[in-house]
Amino acid sequence: MRIYIKPAMFIALTISFNSMASIDCSGLTGCERKFCELEYQIEKAKQANNQYKVDGLKKALKAARLTAKSKVTT
């Protein structure tokens, strides 16, 4: 017995499995957690095809990394 999946169903399943394999930031703390959460949000914005949000989140991630770097060197 063969089971055939329609292309639309296959795409829906692929998206579902992709979102289940999302980034898990719960084990991180401090700056590393913030970076992880921003990267997760960037991926979600990319999936939603929201370039404006992607650009803003990338800017926020860059600023967070610079701030963390300056705290380490001081």
PDB file of N, CA and C in Angstrom:
ATOM      1  N   MET A   1       0.842  -1.180   0.000  1.00  0.00           N
ATOM      2  CA  MET A   1       0.000   0.000   0.000  1.00  0.00           C
ATOM      3  C   MET A   1       0.889   1.246   0.000  1.00  0.00           C
ATOM      4  N   ARG A   2       0.705   2.087  -0.958  1.00  0.00           N
ATOM      5  CA  ARG A   2       1.480   3.315  -1.061  1.00  0.00           C
ATOM      6  C   ARG A   2       0.642   4.494  -0.616  1.00  0.00           C
ATOM      7  N   ILE A   3       1.315   5.422   0.035  1.00  0.00           N
ATOM      8  CA  ILE A   3       0.646   6.640   0.468  1.00  0.00           C
ATOM      9  C   ILE A   3       1.249   7.792  -0.320  1.00  0.00           C
ATOM     10  N   TYR A   4       0.402   8.526  -0.989  1.00  0.00           N
ATOM     11  CA  TYR A   4       0.856   9.666  -1.766  1.00  0.00           C
ATOM     12  C   TYR A   4       0.473  10.945  -1.042  1.00  0.00           C
ATOM     13  N   ILE A   5       1.407  11.854  -0.978  1.00  0.00           N
ATOM     14  CA  ILE A   5       1.162  13.143  -0.338  1.00  0.00           C
ATOM     15  C   ILE A   5       1.093  14.208  -1.423  1.00  0.00           C
ATOM     16  N   LYS A   6       0.059  15.001  -1.386  1.00  0.00           N
ATOM     17  CA  LYS A   6      -0.087  16.094  -2.344  1.00  0.00           C
ATOM     18  C   LYS A   6       0.994  17.141  -2.079  1.00  0.00           C
ATOM     19  N   PRO A   7       1.436  17.831  -3.109  1.00  0.00           N
ATOM     20  CA  PRO A   7       2.496  18.832  -2.930  1.00  0.00           C
ATOM     21  C   PRO A   7       2.185  19.880  -1.862  1.00  0.00           C
ATOM     22  N   ALA A   8       0.955  20.340  -1.798  1.00  0.00           N
ATOM     23  CA  ALA A   8       0.597  21.346  -0.791  1.00  0.00           C
ATOM     24  C   ALA A   8       0.740  20.787   0.619  1.00  0.00           C
ATOM     25  N   MET A   9       0.364  19.532   0.807  1.00  0.00           N
ATOM     26  CA  MET A   9       0.486  18.901   2.118  1.00  0.00           C
ATOM     27  C   MET A   9       1.961  18.725   2.472  1.00  0.00           C
ATOM     28  N   PHE A  10       2.768  18.350   1.479  1.00  0.00           N
ATOM     29  CA  PHE A  10       4.199  18.181   1.708  1.00  0.00           C
ATOM     30  C   PHE A  10       4.830  19.494   2.162  1.00  0.00           C
ATOM     31  N   ILE A  11       4.470  20.593   1.517  1.00  0.00           N
ATOM     32  CA  ILE A  11       5.004  21.904   1.892  1.00  0.00           C
ATOM     33  C   ILE A  11       4.575  22.269   3.308  1.00  0.00           C
ATOM     34  N   ALA A  12       3.318  22.031   3.643  1.00  0.00           N
ATOM     35  CA  ALA A  12       2.823  22.328   4.982  1.00  0.00           C
ATOM     36  C   ALA A  12       3.570  21.509   6.038  1.00  0.00           C
ATOM     37  N   LEU A  13       3.806  20.239   5.759  1.00  0.00           N
ATOM     38  CA  LEU A  13       4.538  19.398   6.702  1.00  0.00           C
ATOM     39  C   LEU A  13       5.985  19.863   6.855  1.00  0.00           C
ATOM     40  N   THR A  14       6.587  20.253   5.749  1.00  0.00           N
ATOM     41  CA  THR A  14       7.965  20.739   5.791  1.00  0.00           C
ATOM     42  C   THR A  14       8.071  21.986   6.643  1.00  0.00           C
ATOM     43  N   ILE A  15       7.147  22.907   6.466  1.00  0.00           N
ATOM     44  CA  ILE A  15       7.146  24.135   7.266  1.00  0.00           C
ATOM     45  C   ILE A  15       6.920  23.805   8.734  1.00  0.00           C
ATOM     46  N   SER A  16       6.019  22.896   9.026  1.00  0.00           N
ATOM     47  CA  SER A  16       5.750  22.513  10.410  1.00  0.00           C
ATOM     48  C   SER A  16       6.991  21.929  11.069  1.00  0.00           C
ATOM     49  N   PHE A  17       7.662  21.014  10.385  1.00  0.00           N
ATOM     50  CA  PHE A  17       8.864  20.409  10.952  1.00  0.00           C
ATOM     51  C   PHE A  17       9.981  21.433  11.087  1.00  0.00           C
ATOM     52  N   ASN A  18      10.054  22.362  10.159  1.00  0.00           N
ATOM     53  CA  ASN A  18      11.070  23.402  10.218  1.00  0.00           C
ATOM     54  C   ASN A  18      10.875  24.284  11.439  1.00  0.00           C
ATOM     55  N   SER A  19       9.648  24.651  11.741  1.00  0.00           N
ATOM     56  CA  SER A  19       9.397  25.503  12.895  1.00  0.00           C
ATOM     57  C   SER A  19       9.577  24.742  14.204  1.00  0.00           C
ATOM     58  N   MET A  20       9.388  23.411  14.175  1.00  0.00           N
ATOM     59  CA  MET A  20       9.614  22.625  15.388  1.00  0.00           C
ATOM     60  C   MET A  20      11.107  22.530  15.687  1.00  0.00           C
ATOM     61  N   ALA A  21      11.929  22.647  14.680  1.00  0.00           N
ATOM     62  CA  ALA A  21      13.367  22.573  14.856  1.00  0.00           C
ATOM     63  C   ALA A  21      13.936  23.971  15.091  1.00  0.00           C
ATOM     64  N   SER A  22      13.186  24.795  15.791  1.00  0.00           N
ATOM     65  CA  SER A  22      13.599  26.171  16.017  1.00  0.00           C
ATOM     66  C   SER A  22      14.734  26.236  17.038  1.00  0.00           C
ATOM     67  N   ILE A  23      15.304  27.394  17.118  1.00  0.00           N
ATOM     68  CA  ILE A  23      16.425  27.624  18.023  1.00  0.00           C
ATOM     69  C   ILE A  23      15.932  27.572  19.466  1.00  0.00           C
ATOM     70  N   ASP A  24      16.677  26.867  20.319  1.00  0.00           N
ATOM     71  CA  ASP A  24      16.338  26.788  21.737  1.00  0.00           C
ATOM     72  C   ASP A  24      17.352  27.605  22.519  1.00  0.00           C
ATOM     73  N   CYS A  25      16.911  28.711  23.066  1.00  0.00           N
ATOM     74  CA  CYS A  25      17.791  29.618  23.797  1.00  0.00           C
ATOM     75  C   CYS A  25      17.670  29.455  25.310  1.00  0.00           C
ATOM     76  N   SER A  26      16.840  28.549  25.767  1.00  0.00           N
ATOM     77  CA  SER A  26      16.545  28.444  27.198  1.00  0.00           C
ATOM     78  C   SER A  26      17.751  28.071  28.048  1.00  0.00           C
ATOM     79  N   GLY A  27      18.726  27.390  27.478  1.00  0.00           N
ATOM     80  CA  GLY A  27      19.902  26.985  28.246  1.00  0.00           C
ATOM     81  C   GLY A  27      20.971  28.055  28.324  1.00  0.00           C
ATOM     82  N   LEU A  28      20.748  29.175  27.675  1.00  0.00           N
ATOM     83  CA  LEU A  28      21.743  30.248  27.647  1.00  0.00           C
ATOM     84  C   LEU A  28      21.379  31.348  28.635  1.00  0.00           C
ATOM     85  N   THR A  29      22.364  32.154  28.984  1.00  0.00           N
ATOM     86  CA  THR A  29      22.122  33.282  29.883  1.00  0.00           C
ATOM     87  C   THR A  29      22.839  34.517  29.361  1.00  0.00           C
ATOM     88  N   GLY A  30      22.441  35.658  29.871  1.00  0.00           N
ATOM     89  CA  GLY A  30      23.112  36.916  29.565  1.00  0.00           C
ATOM     90  C   GLY A  30      23.101  37.278  28.097  1.00  0.00           C
ATOM     91  N   CYS A  31      24.247  37.760  27.663  1.00  0.00           N
ATOM     92  CA  CYS A  31      24.379  38.228  26.273  1.00  0.00           C
ATOM     93  C   CYS A  31      24.160  37.107  25.266  1.00  0.00           C
ATOM     94  N   GLU A  32      24.655  35.923  25.572  1.00  0.00           N
ATOM     95  CA  GLU A  32      24.494  34.803  24.639  1.00  0.00           C
ATOM     96  C   GLU A  32      23.014  34.494  24.398  1.00  0.00           C
ATOM     97  N   ARG A  33      22.210  34.595  25.442  1.00  0.00           N
ATOM     98  CA  ARG A  33      20.771  34.352  25.280  1.00  0.00           C
ATOM     99  C   ARG A  33      20.130  35.439  24.409  1.00  0.00           C
ATOM    100  N   LYS A  34      20.546  36.669  24.642  1.00  0.00           N
ATOM    101  CA  LYS A  34      20.010  37.785  23.855  1.00  0.00           C
ATOM    102  C   LYS A  34      20.357  37.607  22.382  1.00  0.00           C
ATOM    103  N   PHE A  35      21.612  37.232  22.090  1.00  0.00           N
ATOM    104  CA  PHE A  35      22.015  37.000  20.706  1.00  0.00           C
ATOM    105  C   PHE A  35      21.180  35.883  20.086  1.00  0.00           C
ATOM    106  N   CYS A  36      21.004  34.808  20.829  1.00  0.00           N
ATOM    107  CA  CYS A  36      20.241  33.649  20.354  1.00  0.00           C
ATOM    108  C   CYS A  36      18.797  34.045  20.034  1.00  0.00           C
ATOM    109  N   GLU A  37      18.189  34.803  20.935  1.00  0.00           N
ATOM    110  CA  GLU A  37      16.796  35.213  20.727  1.00  0.00           C
ATOM    111  C   GLU A  37      16.665  36.136  19.518  1.00  0.00           C
ATOM    112  N   LEU A  38      17.622  37.031  19.338  1.00  0.00           N
ATOM    113  CA  LEU A  38      17.590  37.914  18.170  1.00  0.00           C
ATOM    114  C   LEU A  38      17.770  37.116  16.885  1.00  0.00           C
ATOM    115  N   GLU A  39      18.677  36.141  16.890  1.00  0.00           N
ATOM    116  CA  GLU A  39      18.882  35.299  15.714  1.00  0.00           C
ATOM    117  C   GLU A  39      17.624  34.491  15.390  1.00  0.00           C
ATOM    118  N   TYR A  40      16.942  34.024  16.434  1.00  0.00           N
ATOM    119  CA  TYR A  40      15.679  33.299  16.238  1.00  0.00           C
ATOM    120  C   TYR A  40      14.633  34.212  15.585  1.00  0.00           C
ATOM    121  N   GLN A  41      14.541  35.434  16.090  1.00  0.00           N
ATOM    122  CA  GLN A  41      13.573  36.380  15.533  1.00  0.00           C
ATOM    123  C   GLN A  41      13.914  36.728  14.080  1.00  0.00           C
ATOM    124  N   ILE A  42      15.204  36.817  13.775  1.00  0.00           N
ATOM    125  CA  ILE A  42      15.626  37.088  12.397  1.00  0.00           C
ATOM    126  C   ILE A  42      15.170  35.955  11.480  1.00  0.00           C
ATOM    127  N   GLU A  43      15.348  34.718  11.922  1.00  0.00           N
ATOM    128  CA  GLU A  43      14.916  33.571  11.110  1.00  0.00           C
ATOM    129  C   GLU A  43      13.408  33.585  10.895  1.00  0.00           C
ATOM    130  N   LYS A  44      12.657  33.900  11.939  1.00  0.00           N
ATOM    131  CA  LYS A  44      11.193  33.972  11.810  1.00  0.00           C
ATOM    132  C   LYS A  44      10.787  35.079  10.837  1.00  0.00           C
ATOM    133  N   ALA A  45      11.457  36.224  10.910  1.00  0.00           N
ATOM    134  CA  ALA A  45      11.147  37.328  10.001  1.00  0.00           C
ATOM    135  C   ALA A  45      11.476  36.949   8.555  1.00  0.00           C
ATOM    136  N   LYS A  46      12.579  36.212   8.365  1.00  0.00           N
ATOM    137  CA  LYS A  46      12.928  35.733   7.022  1.00  0.00           C
ATOM    138  C   LYS A  46      11.860  34.788   6.493  1.00  0.00           C
ATOM    139  N   GLN A  47      11.381  33.881   7.364  1.00  0.00           N
ATOM    140  CA  GLN A  47      10.335  32.944   6.960  1.00  0.00           C
ATOM    141  C   GLN A  47       9.055  33.674   6.576  1.00  0.00           C
ATOM    142  N   ALA A  48       8.783  34.793   7.262  1.00  0.00           N
ATOM    143  CA  ALA A  48       7.587  35.587   6.972  1.00  0.00           C
ATOM    144  C   ALA A  48       7.820  36.561   5.808  1.00  0.00           C
ATOM    145  N   ASN A  49       9.046  36.524   5.262  1.00  0.00           N
ATOM    146  CA  ASN A  49       9.408  37.396   4.151  1.00  0.00           C
ATOM    147  C   ASN A  49       9.240  38.870   4.524  1.00  0.00           C
ATOM    148  N   ASN A  50       9.643  39.221   5.755  1.00  0.00           N
ATOM    149  CA  ASN A  50       9.522  40.582   6.260  1.00  0.00           C
ATOM    150  C   ASN A  50      10.921  41.205   6.320  1.00  0.00           C
ATOM    151  N   GLN A  51      11.385  41.726   5.191  1.00  0.00           N
ATOM    152  CA  GLN A  51      12.744  42.255   5.089  1.00  0.00           C
ATOM    153  C   GLN A  51      12.962  43.453   6.005  1.00  0.00           C
ATOM    154  N   TYR A  52      11.949  44.281   6.179  1.00  0.00           N
ATOM    155  CA  TYR A  52      12.069  45.447   7.059  1.00  0.00           C
ATOM    156  C   TYR A  52      12.401  45.000   8.483  1.00  0.00           C
ATOM    157  N   LYS A  53      11.720  43.979   8.958  1.00  0.00           N
ATOM    158  CA  LYS A  53      11.974  43.465  10.308  1.00  0.00           C
ATOM    159  C   LYS A  53      13.342  42.790  10.381  1.00  0.00           C
ATOM    160  N   VAL A  54      13.707  42.050   9.342  1.00  0.00           N
ATOM    161  CA  VAL A  54      15.027  41.404   9.298  1.00  0.00           C
ATOM    162  C   VAL A  54      16.118  42.465   9.440  1.00  0.00           C
ATOM    163  N   ASP A  55      15.992  43.546   8.684  1.00  0.00           N
ATOM    164  CA  ASP A  55      16.993  44.616   8.734  1.00  0.00           C
ATOM    165  C   ASP A  55      17.090  45.231  10.132  1.00  0.00           C
ATOM    166  N   GLY A  56      15.940  45.485  10.742  1.00  0.00           N
ATOM    167  CA  GLY A  56      15.927  46.068  12.086  1.00  0.00           C
ATOM    168  C   GLY A  56      16.526  45.135  13.125  1.00  0.00           C
ATOM    169  N   LEU A  57      16.195  43.852  13.028  1.00  0.00           N
ATOM    170  CA  LEU A  57      16.727  42.879  13.977  1.00  0.00           C
ATOM    171  C   LEU A  57      18.230  42.681  13.800  1.00  0.00           C
ATOM    172  N   LYS A  58      18.699  42.709  12.562  1.00  0.00           N
ATOM    173  CA  LYS A  58      20.142  42.599  12.326  1.00  0.00           C
ATOM    174  C   LYS A  58      20.874  43.798  12.922  1.00  0.00           C
ATOM    175  N   LYS A  59      20.264  44.962  12.804  1.00  0.00           N
ATOM    176  CA  LYS A  59      20.850  46.169  13.394  1.00  0.00           C
ATOM    177  C   LYS A  59      20.890  46.035  14.921  1.00  0.00           C
ATOM    178  N   ALA A  60      19.823  45.523  15.507  1.00  0.00           N
ATOM    179  CA  ALA A  60      19.766  45.324  16.959  1.00  0.00           C
ATOM    180  C   ALA A  60      20.806  44.296  17.411  1.00  0.00           C
ATOM    181  N   LEU A  61      20.982  43.232  16.643  1.00  0.00           N
ATOM    182  CA  LEU A  61      21.963  42.204  16.969  1.00  0.00           C
ATOM    183  C   LEU A  61      23.378  42.773  16.914  1.00  0.00           C
ATOM    184  N   LYS A  62      23.648  43.558  15.909  1.00  0.00           N
ATOM    185  CA  LYS A  62      24.969  44.182  15.784  1.00  0.00           C
ATOM    186  C   LYS A  62      25.237  45.098  16.977  1.00  0.00           C
ATOM    187  N   ALA A  63      24.239  45.888  17.361  1.00  0.00           N
ATOM    188  CA  ALA A  63      24.391  46.789  18.505  1.00  0.00           C
ATOM    189  C   ALA A  63      24.586  46.005  19.803  1.00  0.00           C
ATOM    190  N   ALA A  64      23.853  44.927  19.963  1.00  0.00           N
ATOM    191  CA  ALA A  64      23.985  44.102  21.169  1.00  0.00           C
ATOM    192  C   ALA A  64      25.376  43.487  21.252  1.00  0.00           C
ATOM    193  N   ARG A  65      25.893  43.020  20.128  1.00  0.00           N
ATOM    194  CA  ARG A  65      27.242  42.431  20.116  1.00  0.00           C
ATOM    195  C   ARG A  65      28.304  43.485  20.435  1.00  0.00           C
ATOM    196  N   LEU A  66      28.147  44.688  19.884  1.00  0.00           N
ATOM    197  CA  LEU A  66      29.107  45.759  20.181  1.00  0.00           C
ATOM    198  C   LEU A  66      29.066  46.131  21.653  1.00  0.00           C
ATOM    199  N   THR A  67      27.876  46.201  22.222  1.00  0.00           N
ATOM    200  CA  THR A  67      27.735  46.531  23.638  1.00  0.00           C
ATOM    201  C   THR A  67      28.374  45.448  24.504  1.00  0.00           C
ATOM    202  N   ALA A  68      28.122  44.194  24.162  1.00  0.00           N
ATOM    203  CA  ALA A  68      28.703  43.085  24.926  1.00  0.00           C
ATOM    204  C   ALA A  68      30.220  43.087  24.813  1.00  0.00           C
ATOM    205  N   LYS A  69      30.719  43.365  23.626  1.00  0.00           N
ATOM    206  CA  LYS A  69      32.169  43.403  23.398  1.00  0.00           C
ATOM    207  C   LYS A  69      32.811  44.510  24.210  1.00  0.00           C
ATOM    208  N   SER A  70      32.170  45.671  24.278  1.00  0.00           N
ATOM    209  CA  SER A  70      32.731  46.785  25.042  1.00  0.00           C
ATOM    210  C   SER A  70      32.699  46.508  26.541  1.00  0.00           C
ATOM    211  N   LYS A  71      31.712  45.736  26.994  1.00  0.00           N
ATOM    212  CA  LYS A  71      31.655  45.377  28.415  1.00  0.00           C
ATOM    213  C   LYS A  71      32.774  44.411  28.786  1.00  0.00           C
ATOM    214  N   VAL A  72      33.135  43.545  27.844  1.00  0.00           N
ATOM    215  CA  VAL A  72      34.192  42.564  28.088  1.00  0.00           C
ATOM    216  C   VAL A  72      35.559  43.250  28.136  1.00  0.00           C
ATOM    217  N   THR A  73      35.788  44.236  27.269  1.00  0.00           N
ATOM    218  CA  THR A  73      37.081  44.880  27.193  1.00  0.00           C
ATOM    219  C   THR A  73      37.280  45.938  28.268  1.00  0.00           C
ATOM    220  N   THR A  74      36.226  46.352  28.940  1.00  0.00           N
ATOM    221  CA  THR A  74      36.350  47.381  29.963  1.00  0.00           C
ATOM    222  C   THR A  74      36.609  46.819  31.318  1.00  0.00           C
TER     223      THR A  74
END
